[in-house]
Every structure is written in structure tokens, then in C-alpha cells.
PDB file of N, CA and C in Angstrom:
ATOM      1  N   MET A   1     -15.799  -0.398  13.803  1.00  0.00           N
ATOM      2  CA  MET A   1     -15.101   0.276  12.744  1.00  0.00           C
ATOM      3  C   MET A   1     -13.630  -0.107  12.820  1.00  0.00           C
ATOM      4  N   THR A   2     -13.034  -0.386  11.674  1.00  0.00           N
ATOM      5  CA  THR A   2     -11.633  -0.757  11.599  1.00  0.00           C
ATOM      6  C   THR A   2     -10.870   0.361  10.898  1.00  0.00           C
ATOM      7  N   GLY A   3      -9.683   0.650  11.398  1.00  0.00           N
ATOM      8  CA  GLY A   3      -8.873   1.689  10.786  1.00  0.00           C
ATOM      9  C   GLY A   3      -7.571   1.128  10.262  1.00  0.00           C
ATOM     10  N   CYS A   4      -6.949   1.843   9.368  1.00  0.00           N
ATOM     11  CA  CYS A   4      -5.642   1.482   8.840  1.00  0.00           C
ATOM     12  C   CYS A   4      -4.653   2.564   9.218  1.00  0.00           C
ATOM     13  N   SER A   5      -3.447   2.152   9.445  1.00  0.00           N
ATOM     14  CA  SER A   5      -2.392   3.123   9.703  1.00  0.00           C
ATOM     15  C   SER A   5      -1.120   2.620   9.057  1.00  0.00           C
ATOM     16  N   ALA A   6      -0.271   3.539   8.643  1.00  0.00           N
ATOM     17  CA  ALA A   6       0.970   3.156   7.981  1.00  0.00           C
ATOM     18  C   ALA A   6       2.025   4.229   8.205  1.00  0.00           C
ATOM     19  N   GLY A   7       3.250   3.791   8.368  1.00  0.00           N
ATOM     20  CA  GLY A   7       4.382   4.703   8.333  1.00  0.00           C
ATOM     21  C   GLY A   7       4.781   4.879   6.880  1.00  0.00           C
ATOM     22  N   ILE A   8       5.385   5.994   6.554  1.00  0.00           N
ATOM     23  CA  ILE A   8       5.738   6.296   5.174  1.00  0.00           C
ATOM     24  C   ILE A   8       7.216   6.656   5.094  1.00  0.00           C
ATOM     25  N   ILE A   9       7.882   6.166   4.054  1.00  0.00           N
ATOM     26  CA  ILE A   9       9.258   6.553   3.746  1.00  0.00           C
ATOM     27  C   ILE A   9       9.223   7.252   2.399  1.00  0.00           C
ATOM     28  N   ILE A  10       9.787   8.447   2.350  1.00  0.00           N
ATOM     29  CA  ILE A  10       9.801   9.237   1.130  1.00  0.00           C
ATOM     30  C   ILE A  10      11.261   9.537   0.785  1.00  0.00           C
ATOM     31  N   ALA A  11      11.647   9.292  -0.462  1.00  0.00           N
ATOM     32  CA  ALA A  11      13.012   9.576  -0.902  1.00  0.00           C
ATOM     33  C   ALA A  11      12.958  10.220  -2.268  1.00  0.00           C
ATOM     34  N   GLY A  12      13.960  11.028  -2.553  1.00  0.00           N
ATOM     35  CA  GLY A  12      14.018  11.666  -3.857  1.00  0.00           C
ATOM     36  C   GLY A  12      15.334  12.367  -4.067  1.00  0.00           C
ATOM     37  N   TYR A  13      15.445  12.981  -5.201  1.00  0.00           N
ATOM     38  CA  TYR A  13      16.660  13.709  -5.565  1.00  0.00           C
ATOM     39  C   TYR A  13      16.299  15.143  -5.880  1.00  0.00           C
ATOM     40  N   ASP A  14      17.022  16.063  -5.283  1.00  0.00           N
ATOM     41  CA  ASP A  14      16.842  17.491  -5.491  1.00  0.00           C
ATOM     42  C   ASP A  14      18.162  18.036  -6.036  1.00  0.00           C
ATOM     43  N   PRO A  15      18.159  18.756  -7.163  1.00  0.00           N
ATOM     44  CA  PRO A  15      19.422  19.241  -7.729  1.00  0.00           C
ATOM     45  C   PRO A  15      20.212  20.142  -6.768  1.00  0.00           C
ATOM     46  N   ARG A  16      19.525  20.804  -5.858  1.00  0.00           N
ATOM     47  CA  ARG A  16      20.208  21.695  -4.920  1.00  0.00           C
ATOM     48  C   ARG A  16      20.791  20.954  -3.710  1.00  0.00           C
ATOM     49  N   HIS A  17      20.019  19.967  -3.177  1.00  0.00           N
ATOM     50  CA  HIS A  17      20.429  19.285  -1.954  1.00  0.00           C
ATOM     51  C   HIS A  17      20.829  17.827  -2.166  1.00  0.00           C
ATOM     52  N   GLY A  18      20.690  17.309  -3.383  1.00  0.00           N
ATOM     53  CA  GLY A  18      21.043  15.919  -3.657  1.00  0.00           C
ATOM     54  C   GLY A  18      19.976  14.964  -3.164  1.00  0.00           C
ATOM     55  N   GLY A  19      20.396  13.736  -2.905  1.00  0.00           N
ATOM     56  CA  GLY A  19      19.476  12.719  -2.431  1.00  0.00           C
ATOM     57  C   GLY A  19      19.015  13.007  -1.012  1.00  0.00           C
ATOM     58  N   GLN A  20      17.746  12.752  -0.756  1.00  0.00           N
ATOM     59  CA  GLN A  20      17.178  12.996   0.568  1.00  0.00           C
ATOM     60  C   GLN A  20      16.211  11.883   0.925  1.00  0.00           C
ATOM     61  N   VAL A  21      16.159  11.559   2.216  1.00  0.00           N
ATOM     62  CA  VAL A  21      15.248  10.540   2.728  1.00  0.00           C
ATOM     63  C   VAL A  21      14.512  11.109   3.931  1.00  0.00           C
ATOM     64  N   TYR A  22      13.201  10.938   3.937  1.00  0.00           N
ATOM     65  CA  TYR A  22      12.359  11.360   5.058  1.00  0.00           C
ATOM     66  C   TYR A  22      11.493  10.184   5.476  1.00  0.00           C
ATOM     67  N   SER A  23      11.193  10.117   6.768  1.00  0.00           N
ATOM     68  CA  SER A  23      10.233   9.121   7.233  1.00  0.00           C
ATOM     69  C   SER A  23       9.147   9.816   8.039  1.00  0.00           C
ATOM     70  N   ILE A  24       7.956   9.285   7.919  1.00  0.00           N
ATOM     71  CA  ILE A  24       6.807   9.745   8.694  1.00  0.00           C
ATOM     72  C   ILE A  24       6.287   8.523   9.449  1.00  0.00           C
ATOM     73  N   PRO A  25       6.667   8.361  10.722  1.00  0.00           N
ATOM     74  CA  PRO A  25       6.198   7.203  11.485  1.00  0.00           C
ATOM     75  C   PRO A  25       4.725   7.343  11.871  1.00  0.00           C
ATOM     76  N   LEU A  26       4.201   6.330  12.537  1.00  0.00           N
ATOM     77  CA  LEU A  26       2.779   6.298  12.876  1.00  0.00           C
ATOM     78  C   LEU A  26       2.309   7.527  13.637  1.00  0.00           C
ATOM     79  N   GLY A  27       3.157   8.165  14.420  1.00  0.00           N
ATOM     80  CA  GLY A  27       2.764   9.349  15.178  1.00  0.00           C
ATOM     81  C   GLY A  27       2.553  10.581  14.323  1.00  0.00           C
ATOM     82  N   GLY A  28       3.023  10.559  13.056  1.00  0.00           N
ATOM     83  CA  GLY A  28       2.785  11.668  12.147  1.00  0.00           C
ATOM     84  C   GLY A  28       3.888  12.704  12.082  1.00  0.00           C
ATOM     85  N   SER A  29       4.977  12.529  12.823  1.00  0.00           N
ATOM     86  CA  SER A  29       6.071  13.497  12.748  1.00  0.00           C
ATOM     87  C   SER A  29       6.907  13.242  11.498  1.00  0.00           C
ATOM     88  N   LEU A  30       7.686  14.229  11.080  1.00  0.00           N
ATOM     89  CA  LEU A  30       8.508  14.139   9.873  1.00  0.00           C
ATOM     90  C   LEU A  30       9.976  14.160  10.282  1.00  0.00           C
ATOM     91  N   HIS A  31      10.763  13.180   9.778  1.00  0.00           N
ATOM     92  CA  HIS A  31      12.174  13.060  10.146  1.00  0.00           C
ATOM     93  C   HIS A  31      13.034  12.946   8.897  1.00  0.00           C
ATOM     94  N   LYS A  32      14.011  13.843   8.753  1.00  0.00           N
ATOM     95  CA  LYS A  32      14.998  13.706   7.685  1.00  0.00           C
ATOM     96  C   LYS A  32      16.096  12.806   8.229  1.00  0.00           C
ATOM     97  N   GLN A  33      16.446  11.761   7.466  1.00  0.00           N
ATOM     98  CA  GLN A  33      17.404  10.770   7.929  1.00  0.00           C
ATOM     99  C   GLN A  33      18.366  10.397   6.806  1.00  0.00           C
ATOM    100  N   PRO A  34      19.538   9.860   7.143  1.00  0.00           N
ATOM    101  CA  PRO A  34      20.426   9.390   6.076  1.00  0.00           C
ATOM    102  C   PRO A  34      19.868   8.153   5.381  1.00  0.00           C
ATOM    103  N   TYR A  35      19.116   7.344   6.123  1.00  0.00           N
ATOM    104  CA  TYR A  35      18.384   6.206   5.555  1.00  0.00           C
ATOM    105  C   TYR A  35      17.226   5.901   6.490  1.00  0.00           C
ATOM    106  N   SER A  36      16.282   5.115   6.013  1.00  0.00           N
ATOM    107  CA  SER A  36      15.130   4.755   6.833  1.00  0.00           C
ATOM    108  C   SER A  36      14.736   3.324   6.524  1.00  0.00           C
ATOM    109  N   ILE A  37      14.285   2.605   7.541  1.00  0.00           N
ATOM    110  CA  ILE A  37      13.772   1.255   7.342  1.00  0.00           C
ATOM    111  C   ILE A  37      12.403   1.160   7.981  1.00  0.00           C
ATOM    112  N   GLY A  38      11.577   0.281   7.473  1.00  0.00           N
ATOM    113  CA  GLY A  38      10.235   0.102   8.017  1.00  0.00           C
ATOM    114  C   GLY A  38       9.675  -1.233   7.602  1.00  0.00           C
ATOM    115  N   GLY A  39       8.538  -1.573   8.126  1.00  0.00           N
ATOM    116  CA  GLY A  39       7.886  -2.830   7.802  1.00  0.00           C
ATOM    117  C   GLY A  39       8.225  -3.915   8.804  1.00  0.00           C
ATOM    118  N   SER A  40       7.563  -5.049   8.655  1.00  0.00           N
ATOM    119  CA  SER A  40       7.717  -6.124   9.635  1.00  0.00           C
ATOM    120  C   SER A  40       9.143  -6.657   9.708  1.00  0.00           C
ATOM    121  N   GLY A  41       9.863  -6.690   8.606  1.00  0.00           N
ATOM    122  CA  GLY A  41      11.232  -7.204   8.605  1.00  0.00           C
ATOM    123  C   GLY A  41      12.255  -6.248   9.178  1.00  0.00           C
ATOM    124  N   SER A  42      11.877  -4.988   9.348  1.00  0.00           N
ATOM    125  CA  SER A  42      12.851  -3.995   9.821  1.00  0.00           C
ATOM    126  C   SER A  42      13.356  -4.298  11.227  1.00  0.00           C
ATOM    127  N   THR A  43      12.527  -4.938  12.048  1.00  0.00           N
ATOM    128  CA  THR A  43      12.964  -5.242  13.410  1.00  0.00           C
ATOM    129  C   THR A  43      14.147  -6.202  13.424  1.00  0.00           C
ATOM    130  N   TYR A  44      14.323  -6.966  12.358  1.00  0.00           N
ATOM    131  CA  TYR A  44      15.415  -7.938  12.281  1.00  0.00           C
ATOM    132  C   TYR A  44      16.719  -7.341  11.752  1.00  0.00           C
ATOM    133  N   ILE A  45      16.675  -6.132  11.186  1.00  0.00           N
ATOM    134  CA  ILE A  45      17.866  -5.628  10.483  1.00  0.00           C
ATOM    135  C   ILE A  45      18.449  -4.339  11.058  1.00  0.00           C
ATOM    136  N   TYR A  46      17.969  -3.883  12.212  1.00  0.00           N
ATOM    137  CA  TYR A  46      18.556  -2.670  12.790  1.00  0.00           C
ATOM    138  C   TYR A  46      20.055  -2.845  13.034  1.00  0.00           C
ATOM    139  N   GLY A  47      20.456  -3.987  13.582  1.00  0.00           N
ATOM    140  CA  GLY A  47      21.874  -4.242  13.834  1.00  0.00           C
ATOM    141  C   GLY A  47      22.678  -4.275  12.550  1.00  0.00           C
ATOM    142  N   TYR A  48      22.137  -4.927  11.511  1.00  0.00           N
ATOM    143  CA  TYR A  48      22.812  -4.977  10.214  1.00  0.00           C
ATOM    144  C   TYR A  48      23.022  -3.558   9.684  1.00  0.00           C
ATOM    145  N   CYS A  49      21.958  -2.753   9.733  1.00  0.00           N
ATOM    146  CA  CYS A  49      22.034  -1.393   9.199  1.00  0.00           C
ATOM    147  C   CYS A  49      23.026  -0.537   9.994  1.00  0.00           C
ATOM    148  N   ASP A  50      22.980  -0.619  11.312  1.00  0.00           N
ATOM    149  CA  ASP A  50      23.932   0.138  12.132  1.00  0.00           C
ATOM    150  C   ASP A  50      25.368  -0.253  11.827  1.00  0.00           C
ATOM    151  N   ALA A  51      25.622  -1.534  11.624  1.00  0.00           N
ATOM    152  CA  ALA A  51      26.982  -2.018  11.379  1.00  0.00           C
ATOM    153  C   ALA A  51      27.476  -1.714   9.968  1.00  0.00           C
ATOM    154  N   ASN A  52      26.580  -1.592   8.996  1.00  0.00           N
ATOM    155  CA  ASN A  52      27.003  -1.480   7.595  1.00  0.00           C
ATOM    156  C   ASN A  52      26.768  -0.123   6.945  1.00  0.00           C
ATOM    157  N   TRP A  53      26.003   0.767   7.583  1.00  0.00           N
ATOM    158  CA  TRP A  53      25.761   2.091   6.999  1.00  0.00           C
ATOM    159  C   TRP A  53      27.018   2.945   7.115  1.00  0.00           C
ATOM    160  N   LYS A  54      27.321   3.693   6.068  1.00  0.00           N
ATOM    161  CA  LYS A  54      28.368   4.709   6.130  1.00  0.00           C
ATOM    162  C   LYS A  54      27.975   5.854   5.207  1.00  0.00           C
ATOM    163  N   GLU A  55      28.387   7.024   5.568  1.00  0.00           N
ATOM    164  CA  GLU A  55      28.102   8.208   4.758  1.00  0.00           C
ATOM    165  C   GLU A  55      28.858   8.140   3.436  1.00  0.00           C
ATOM    166  N   ASN A  56      28.330   8.818   2.432  1.00  0.00           N
ATOM    167  CA  ASN A  56      28.979   8.989   1.130  1.00  0.00           C
ATOM    168  C   ASN A  56      29.348   7.683   0.436  1.00  0.00           C
ATOM    169  N   MET A  57      28.464   6.696   0.506  1.00  0.00           N
ATOM    170  CA  MET A  57      28.689   5.449  -0.219  1.00  0.00           C
ATOM    171  C   MET A  57      28.624   5.701  -1.716  1.00  0.00           C
ATOM    172  N   THR A  58      29.349   4.896  -2.463  1.00  0.00           N
ATOM    173  CA  THR A  58      29.195   4.922  -3.910  1.00  0.00           C
ATOM    174  C   THR A  58      27.835   4.298  -4.245  1.00  0.00           C
ATOM    175  N   GLU A  59      27.417   4.435  -5.480  1.00  0.00           N
ATOM    176  CA  GLU A  59      26.151   3.827  -5.881  1.00  0.00           C
ATOM    177  C   GLU A  59      26.198   2.319  -5.666  1.00  0.00           C
ATOM    178  N   GLU A  60      27.281   1.688  -6.045  1.00  0.00           N
ATOM    179  CA  GLU A  60      27.416   0.236  -5.875  1.00  0.00           C
ATOM    180  C   GLU A  60      27.380  -0.158  -4.393  1.00  0.00           C
ATOM    181  N   GLU A  61      28.061   0.603  -3.541  1.00  0.00           N
ATOM    182  CA  GLU A  61      28.032   0.319  -2.104  1.00  0.00           C
ATOM    183  C   GLU A  61      26.619   0.474  -1.541  1.00  0.00           C
ATOM    184  N   GLY A  62      25.899   1.498  -2.007  1.00  0.00           N
ATOM    185  CA  GLY A  62      24.529   1.707  -1.558  1.00  0.00           C
ATOM    186  C   GLY A  62      23.610   0.569  -1.965  1.00  0.00           C
ATOM    187  N   ILE A  63      23.761   0.113  -3.203  1.00  0.00           N
ATOM    188  CA  ILE A  63      22.965  -1.018  -3.676  1.00  0.00           C
ATOM    189  C   ILE A  63      23.268  -2.256  -2.837  1.00  0.00           C
ATOM    190  N   ASN A  64      24.545  -2.504  -2.581  1.00  0.00           N
ATOM    191  CA  ASN A  64      24.925  -3.669  -1.782  1.00  0.00           C
ATOM    192  C   ASN A  64      24.406  -3.567  -0.351  1.00  0.00           C
ATOM    193  N   PHE A  65      24.408  -2.355   0.214  1.00  0.00           N
ATOM    194  CA  PHE A  65      23.876  -2.142   1.562  1.00  0.00           C
ATOM    195  C   PHE A  65      22.385  -2.487   1.610  1.00  0.00           C
ATOM    196  N   VAL A  66      21.616  -1.944   0.684  1.00  0.00           N
ATOM    197  CA  VAL A  66      20.168  -2.180   0.668  1.00  0.00           C
ATOM    198  C   VAL A  66      19.870  -3.648   0.361  1.00  0.00           C
ATOM    199  N   ARG A  67      20.552  -4.197  -0.614  1.00  0.00           N
ATOM    200  CA  ARG A  67      20.329  -5.599  -0.968  1.00  0.00           C
ATOM    201  C   ARG A  67      20.661  -6.517   0.213  1.00  0.00           C
ATOM    202  N   GLY A  68      21.747  -6.243   0.919  1.00  0.00           N
ATOM    203  CA  GLY A  68      22.109  -7.042   2.086  1.00  0.00           C
ATOM    204  C   GLY A  68      21.090  -6.924   3.203  1.00  0.00           C
ATOM    205  N   ALA A  69      20.589  -5.710   3.442  1.00  0.00           N
ATOM    206  CA  ALA A  69      19.584  -5.508   4.487  1.00  0.00           C
ATOM    207  C   ALA A  69      18.297  -6.252   4.148  1.00  0.00           C
ATOM    208  N   LEU A  70      17.850  -6.141   2.913  1.00  0.00           N
ATOM    209  CA  LEU A  70      16.615  -6.820   2.516  1.00  0.00           C
ATOM    210  C   LEU A  70      16.787  -8.333   2.519  1.00  0.00           C
ATOM    211  N   ARG A  71      17.952  -8.786   2.141  1.00  0.00           N
ATOM    212  CA  ARG A  71      18.235 -10.224   2.181  1.00  0.00           C
ATOM    213  C   ARG A  71      18.094 -10.759   3.610  1.00  0.00           C
ATOM    214  N   GLU A  72      18.607 -10.007   4.576  1.00  0.00           N
ATOM    215  CA  GLU A  72      18.480 -10.406   5.983  1.00  0.00           C
ATOM    216  C   GLU A  72      17.024 -10.359   6.445  1.00  0.00           C
ATOM    217  N   ALA A  73      16.303  -9.329   6.054  1.00  0.00           N
ATOM    218  CA  ALA A  73      14.891  -9.229   6.436  1.00  0.00           C
ATOM    219  C   ALA A  73      14.099 -10.411   5.882  1.00  0.00           C
ATOM    220  N   ILE A  74      14.348 -10.752   4.634  1.00  0.00           N
ATOM    221  CA  ILE A  74      13.654 -11.878   4.005  1.00  0.00           C
ATOM    222  C   ILE A  74      14.010 -13.181   4.720  1.00  0.00           C
ATOM    223  N   LYS A  75      15.272 -13.318   5.100  1.00  0.00           N
ATOM    224  CA  LYS A  75      15.726 -14.543   5.765  1.00  0.00           C
ATOM    225  C   LYS A  75      15.017 -14.766   7.100  1.00  0.00           C
ATOM    226  N   TRP A  76      14.804 -13.688   7.875  1.00  0.00           N
ATOM    227  CA  TRP A  76      14.301 -13.825   9.237  1.00  0.00           C
ATOM    228  C   TRP A  76      12.813 -13.551   9.393  1.00  0.00           C
ATOM    229  N   ASP A  77      12.194 -12.898   8.430  1.00  0.00           N
ATOM    230  CA  ASP A  77      10.786 -12.517   8.566  1.00  0.00           C
ATOM    231  C   ASP A  77       9.964 -13.157   7.464  1.00  0.00           C
ATOM    232  N   GLY A  78       9.035 -14.007   7.835  1.00  0.00           N
ATOM    233  CA  GLY A  78       8.213 -14.702   6.858  1.00  0.00           C
ATOM    234  C   GLY A  78       7.283 -13.806   6.068  1.00  0.00           C
ATOM    235  N   SER A  79       7.087 -12.563   6.506  1.00  0.00           N
ATOM    236  CA  SER A  79       6.188 -11.648   5.803  1.00  0.00           C
ATOM    237  C   SER A  79       6.920 -10.686   4.878  1.00  0.00           C
ATOM    238  N   SER A  80       8.241 -10.804   4.777  1.00  0.00           N
ATOM    239  CA  SER A  80       9.013  -9.857   3.965  1.00  0.00           C
ATOM    240  C   SER A  80       9.141 -10.258   2.507  1.00  0.00           C
ATOM    241  N   GLY A  81       8.472 -11.300   2.096  1.00  0.00           N
ATOM    242  CA  GLY A  81       8.491 -11.669   0.686  1.00  0.00           C
ATOM    243  C   GLY A  81       9.726 -12.450   0.320  1.00  0.00           C
ATOM    244  N   GLY A  82      10.029 -12.526  -0.962  1.00  0.00           N
ATOM    245  CA  GLY A  82      11.170 -13.302  -1.412  1.00  0.00           C
ATOM    246  C   GLY A  82      11.896 -12.682  -2.578  1.00  0.00           C
ATOM    247  N   VAL A  83      11.424 -11.558  -3.057  1.00  0.00           N
ATOM    248  CA  VAL A  83      12.026 -10.878  -4.199  1.00  0.00           C
ATOM    249  C   VAL A  83      12.453  -9.490  -3.746  1.00  0.00           C
ATOM    250  N   ILE A  84      13.628  -9.048  -4.203  1.00  0.00           N
ATOM    251  CA  ILE A  84      14.083  -7.691  -3.882  1.00  0.00           C
ATOM    252  C   ILE A  84      13.864  -6.817  -5.102  1.00  0.00           C
ATOM    253  N   ARG A  85      13.023  -5.822  -4.938  1.00  0.00           N
ATOM    254  CA  ARG A  85      12.813  -4.797  -5.965  1.00  0.00           C
ATOM    255  C   ARG A  85      13.401  -3.510  -5.410  1.00  0.00           C
ATOM    256  N   LEU A  86      14.337  -2.938  -6.124  1.00  0.00           N
ATOM    257  CA  LEU A  86      15.100  -1.793  -5.650  1.00  0.00           C
ATOM    258  C   LEU A  86      15.095  -0.722  -6.726  1.00  0.00           C
ATOM    259  N   VAL A  87      14.908   0.529  -6.342  1.00  0.00           N
ATOM    260  CA  VAL A  87      14.974   1.645  -7.288  1.00  0.00           C
ATOM    261  C   VAL A  87      16.085   2.573  -6.839  1.00  0.00           C
ATOM    262  N   VAL A  88      17.018   2.865  -7.742  1.00  0.00           N
ATOM    263  CA  VAL A  88      18.124   3.783  -7.471  1.00  0.00           C
ATOM    264  C   VAL A  88      17.751   5.136  -8.064  1.00  0.00           C
ATOM    265  N   LEU A  89      17.691   6.167  -7.200  1.00  0.00           N
ATOM    266  CA  LEU A  89      17.354   7.517  -7.630  1.00  0.00           C
ATOM    267  C   LEU A  89      18.618   8.355  -7.733  1.00  0.00           C
ATOM    268  N   THR A  90      18.862   8.940  -8.904  1.00  0.00           N
ATOM    269  CA  THR A  90      20.003   9.828  -9.110  1.00  0.00           C
ATOM    270  C   THR A  90      19.536  11.036  -9.915  1.00  0.00           C
ATOM    271  N   ALA A  91      20.457  11.933 -10.186  1.00  0.00           N
ATOM    272  CA  ALA A  91      20.139  13.101 -11.011  1.00  0.00           C
ATOM    273  C   ALA A  91      19.710  12.669 -12.415  1.00  0.00           C
ATOM    274  N   LYS A  92      20.118  11.477 -12.853  1.00  0.00           N
ATOM    275  CA  LYS A  92      19.774  10.972 -14.177  1.00  0.00           C
ATOM    276  C   LYS A  92      18.388  10.332 -14.219  1.00  0.00           C
ATOM    277  N   GLY A  93      17.791  10.120 -13.050  1.00  0.00           N
ATOM    278  CA  GLY A  93      16.471   9.501 -12.999  1.00  0.00           C
ATOM    279  C   GLY A  93      16.468   8.253 -12.145  1.00  0.00           C
ATOM    280  N   ALA A  94      15.471   7.411 -12.370  1.00  0.00           N
ATOM    281  CA  ALA A  94      15.284   6.189 -11.591  1.00  0.00           C
ATOM    282  C   ALA A  94      15.734   4.978 -12.406  1.00  0.00           C
ATOM    283  N   GLN A  95      16.454   4.090 -11.743  1.00  0.00           N
ATOM    284  CA  GLN A  95      16.860   2.830 -12.364  1.00  0.00           C
ATOM    285  C   GLN A  95      16.360   1.696 -11.482  1.00  0.00           C
ATOM    286  N   ARG A  96      15.600   0.788 -12.072  1.00  0.00           N
ATOM    287  CA  ARG A  96      14.992  -0.307 -11.324  1.00  0.00           C
ATOM    288  C   ARG A  96      15.879  -1.545 -11.345  1.00  0.00           C
ATOM    289  N   HIS A  97      15.916  -2.234 -10.213  1.00  0.00           N
ATOM    290  CA  HIS A  97      16.675  -3.474 -10.070  1.00  0.00           C
ATOM    291  C   HIS A  97      15.734  -4.559  -9.553  1.00  0.00           C
ATOM    292  N   LEU A  98      15.986  -5.787  -9.953  1.00  0.00           N
ATOM    293  CA  LEU A  98      15.232  -6.930  -9.479  1.00  0.00           C
ATOM    294  C   LEU A  98      16.223  -8.033  -9.134  1.00  0.00           C
ATOM    295  N   TYR A  99      16.156  -8.533  -7.894  1.00  0.00           N
ATOM    296  CA  TYR A  99      17.033  -9.608  -7.440  1.00  0.00           C
ATOM    297  C   TYR A  99      16.165 -10.766  -6.967  1.00  0.00           C
ATOM    298  N   LEU A 100      16.499 -11.964  -7.418  1.00  0.00           N
ATOM    299  CA  LEU A 100      15.672 -13.140  -7.171  1.00  0.00           C
ATOM    300  C   LEU A 100      16.353 -14.118  -6.218  1.00  0.00           C
ATOM    301  N   PRO A 101      15.561 -14.837  -5.417  1.00  0.00           N
ATOM    302  CA  PRO A 101      16.150 -15.768  -4.453  1.00  0.00           C
ATOM    303  C   PRO A 101      16.870 -16.947  -5.105  1.00  0.00           C
ATOM    304  N   ASP A 102      16.445 -17.367  -6.303  1.00  0.00           N
ATOM    305  CA  ASP A 102      17.096 -18.520  -6.923  1.00  0.00           C
ATOM    306  C   ASP A 102      18.515 -18.217  -7.398  1.00  0.00           C
ATOM    307  N   THR A 103      18.903 -16.937  -7.413  1.00  0.00           N
ATOM    308  CA  THR A 103      20.288 -16.560  -7.716  1.00  0.00           C
ATOM    309  C   THR A 103      20.975 -16.016  -6.469  1.00  0.00           C
ATOM    310  N   ASP A 104      20.395 -16.277  -5.292  1.00  0.00           N
ATOM    311  CA  ASP A 104      20.890 -15.778  -4.015  1.00  0.00           C
ATOM    312  C   ASP A 104      21.006 -14.251  -4.026  1.00  0.00           C
ATOM    313  N   TYR A 105      20.086 -13.606  -4.750  1.00  0.00           N
ATOM    314  CA  TYR A 105      19.988 -12.141  -4.805  1.00  0.00           C
ATOM    315  C   TYR A 105      21.271 -11.508  -5.381  1.00  0.00           C
ATOM    316  N   THR A 106      21.953 -12.196  -6.294  1.00  0.00           N
ATOM    317  CA  THR A 106      23.121 -11.631  -6.951  1.00  0.00           C
ATOM    318  C   THR A 106      22.794 -11.383  -8.408  1.00  0.00           C
ATOM    319  N   GLY A 107      23.761 -10.943  -9.164  1.00  0.00           N
ATOM    320  CA  GLY A 107      23.551 -10.678 -10.583  1.00  0.00           C
ATOM    321  C   GLY A 107      23.355  -9.181 -10.810  1.00  0.00           C
ATOM    322  N   PRO A 108      23.246  -8.793 -12.072  1.00  0.00           N
ATOM    323  CA  PRO A 108      23.152  -7.369 -12.391  1.00  0.00           C
ATOM    324  C   PRO A 108      21.877  -6.709 -11.858  1.00  0.00           C
ATOM    325  N   GLY A 109      20.768  -7.405 -11.887  1.00  0.00           N
ATOM    326  CA  GLY A 109      19.555  -6.905 -11.288  1.00  0.00           C
ATOM    327  C   GLY A 109      18.854  -5.756 -11.998  1.00  0.00           C
ATOM    328  N   PHE A 110      19.278  -5.353 -13.179  1.00  0.00           N
ATOM    329  CA  PHE A 110      18.661  -4.208 -13.846  1.00  0.00           C
ATOM    330  C   PHE A 110      17.404  -4.620 -14.578  1.00  0.00           C
ATOM    331  N   THR A 111      16.373  -3.775 -14.491  1.00  0.00           N
ATOM    332  CA  THR A 111      15.138  -4.064 -15.214  1.00  0.00           C
ATOM    333  C   THR A 111      14.739  -2.938 -16.160  1.00  0.00           C
ATOM    334  N   ASN A 112      15.485  -1.846 -16.242  1.00  0.00           N
ATOM    335  CA  ASN A 112      15.119  -0.815 -17.221  1.00  0.00           C
ATOM    336  C   ASN A 112      16.319  -0.368 -17.989  1.00  0.00           C
TER     337      ASN A 112
END
């Protein structure tokens, strides 16, 4: 018999508490965190995230932080894909971004 297991990252916006991020690692515990990373490429970007994370980033700074982290993961991990799909959650709703390798993951990136 073969089993599957996965860690989960959950994020959302609450009008009372603002943006929130939780992770549920393989052990099943629940952790509220300022940010969370996971997947095969995450092992390559812990240093990047520690060096570049800061509290109270603007939306643009947050997008640049995530885009930079994913760019590094893609660069070093062959299983991390080649396209960055990013969703920004705010009180106004979700805004989707798409960044492609042929533009070096730059550009406006909006898809909705």
C-alpha cells in the first residue's frame, strides 16, 4: 500500500485581523507565521527569505519578495517549474500575477 502526505500552507484576509498565514507541516501541527515556504525548492531559499523578509512590507515589496524567492527556487531546483504564478490577497479580493522566464520574471504580471 502506498500513501501520500503533504504539508499545507493556508493564507487569507480577515477584516478583523488582516492578512494571515498558517502552515500545517507533515506532523499535523498548526503554526501561524508571518510567511511560510514549502516544497522541494524551499530548501534552497531559506537564506534568501531570512535575509529579505521584513514586517509591514508594502504590496509591491511583498510581491518582489515572493517573486525573488521563487526565482531563486526555480534557479536551483529542477522540480520547481519555470513559471511564477502569484496571488495577492487583500481586503479588495484576490489579484493574480503571472511572471515568465523569457522576461526574467519581470513586467507587470497581472492576469485579472
